[in-house]
Protein backbone atom coordinates (compact mmCIF):
# COMPACT_ATOMS: atom_id res chain seq x y z
CA MET A 1 113.76 95.71 60.74
CA ALA A 2 116.79 97.24 62.43
CA LEU A 3 119.08 99.05 60.03
CA ASP A 4 122.02 101.23 60.88
CA PRO A 5 123.10 103.41 57.98
CA GLY A 6 126.21 102.46 56.11
CA THR A 7 128.79 105.11 55.30
CA TYR A 8 130.04 105.55 51.75
CA LYS A 9 132.41 108.26 50.51
CA THR A 10 133.46 108.61 46.87
CA THR A 11 134.42 110.98 44.10
CA ILE A 12 131.94 111.73 41.31
CA TRP A 13 133.23 113.31 38.12
CA CYS A 14 131.13 116.28 36.99
CA GLY A 15 129.70 115.69 33.52
CA ALA A 16 130.05 111.90 33.71
CA THR A 17 127.40 109.31 34.53
CA TRP A 18 127.86 107.75 37.99
CA GLU A 19 126.34 104.34 38.81
CA ARG A 20 126.51 102.12 41.90
CA THR A 21 124.46 99.18 43.12
CA PHE A 22 124.39 98.44 46.84
CA THR A 23 123.10 95.23 48.45
CA TRP A 24 121.62 95.15 51.97
CA ARG A 25 121.54 92.25 54.39
CA VAL A 26 120.40 92.10 57.99
CA ASP A 27 121.90 89.22 59.96
CA GLY A 28 122.95 87.64 56.67
CA THR A 29 119.47 87.77 55.12
CA LEU A 30 118.79 89.97 52.09
CA VAL A 31 116.47 92.89 52.83
CA ASN A 32 113.29 92.81 50.72
CA TRP A 33 112.64 96.32 49.38
CA THR A 34 109.28 95.40 47.83
CA GLY A 35 106.74 98.08 48.75
CA TYR A 36 109.42 100.66 49.61
CA THR A 37 110.35 103.92 47.92
CA ALA A 38 113.68 105.70 48.17
CA LYS A 39 115.05 109.22 48.14
CA LEU A 40 118.62 110.53 48.03
CA GLN A 41 119.51 114.19 48.51
CA VAL A 42 122.85 115.93 48.08
CA LYS A 43 123.57 119.20 49.90
CA GLN A 44 126.67 121.29 50.42
CA TYR A 45 125.77 121.96 54.06
CA LEU A 46 123.21 120.26 56.29
CA ASN A 47 120.59 123.03 56.24
CA ASP A 48 121.08 124.04 52.59
CA ALA A 49 118.66 123.36 49.79
CA SER A 50 119.33 120.17 47.88
CA VAL A 51 121.61 120.53 44.84
CA LEU A 52 120.63 117.09 43.58
CA THR A 53 117.70 114.80 44.41
CA LEU A 54 117.06 111.25 43.21
CA THR A 55 113.94 109.21 43.91
CA SER A 56 112.54 105.78 43.10
CA GLY A 57 112.01 105.63 39.37
CA SER A 58 114.11 108.75 38.84
CA GLY A 59 117.69 107.68 39.47
CA ILE A 60 117.01 105.01 42.11
CA THR A 61 115.85 101.46 41.43
CA LEU A 62 114.94 99.17 44.33
CA GLY A 63 115.65 95.51 43.63
CA GLY A 64 112.85 93.96 45.72
CA SER A 65 113.84 90.63 47.28
CA ALA A 66 117.35 90.86 45.79
CA GLY A 67 118.12 93.47 48.46
CA THR A 68 119.65 95.88 45.99
CA ILE A 69 119.40 99.62 45.54
CA ALA A 70 120.81 100.91 42.25
CA VAL A 71 121.69 104.61 42.08
CA VAL A 72 122.35 106.39 38.77
CA MET A 73 123.28 110.05 38.36
CA SER A 74 123.16 111.07 34.72
CA SER A 75 125.90 113.16 33.16
CA ALA A 76 123.42 116.06 32.97
CA LEU A 77 122.87 115.88 36.74
CA THR A 78 126.55 115.58 37.69
CA GLY A 79 127.47 118.30 35.19
CA ALA A 80 125.10 120.73 36.91
CA VAL A 81 126.83 120.42 40.30
CA THR A 82 129.58 122.88 41.22
CA PRO A 83 132.79 121.00 42.06
CA GLY A 84 133.33 120.51 45.80
CA GLU A 85 132.47 118.31 48.77
CA TYR A 86 128.83 117.58 49.58
CA LEU A 87 126.83 115.66 52.17
CA TYR A 88 124.20 113.10 51.20
CA ASP A 89 121.93 110.47 52.63
CA LEU A 90 119.71 107.78 51.16
CA GLU A 91 116.44 106.90 52.88
CA VAL A 92 113.82 104.26 52.17
CA THR A 93 110.24 104.24 53.38
CA ASN A 94 107.31 101.86 53.23
CA GLY A 95 104.81 104.59 54.13
CA THR A 96 104.92 103.67 57.82
CA SER A 97 108.62 103.51 58.66
CA THR A 98 111.57 105.41 57.24
CA TYR A 99 115.13 104.12 57.39
CA ARG A 100 118.35 105.91 56.54
CA VAL A 101 120.38 103.21 54.83
CA LEU A 102 123.38 105.12 53.53
CA GLU A 103 125.10 108.42 54.28
CA GLY A 104 128.38 110.15 53.70
CA LYS A 105 130.17 112.60 51.45
CA PHE A 106 130.45 112.93 47.71
CA THR A 107 133.29 114.91 46.23
CA PHE A 108 132.30 116.29 42.86
CA ASP A 109 135.43 116.72 40.75
CA GLY A 110 135.33 119.38 38.00
CA GLN A 111 135.50 118.58 34.33
CA VAL A 112 137.80 119.99 31.66
CA THR A 113 136.02 118.68 28.56
CA ILE A 114 132.66 120.31 27.99
């Protein structure tokens, strides 16, 4: 399977739940994520420690033959991140091959109501 990572940039509001579902196709055919696991890490700078990590079953749900990857950051997770701009990527693996499917920047916007 040949996948080039997509780029996605968005704002996430600290202290609010953030949810997105992405659908992957290769040459018009849905990608089957059955047998894969996923991991997403958020870092302020490339070589920093992760400030937020999601994995399959813990914030990431792979949709099997539907080709979807659902990502959910709870309000507790987003509320623990210091406002600012961060790098992230999302990778999937089947134990043999690893693919970066999404990358970009998240801007975490501070919250007033606590």
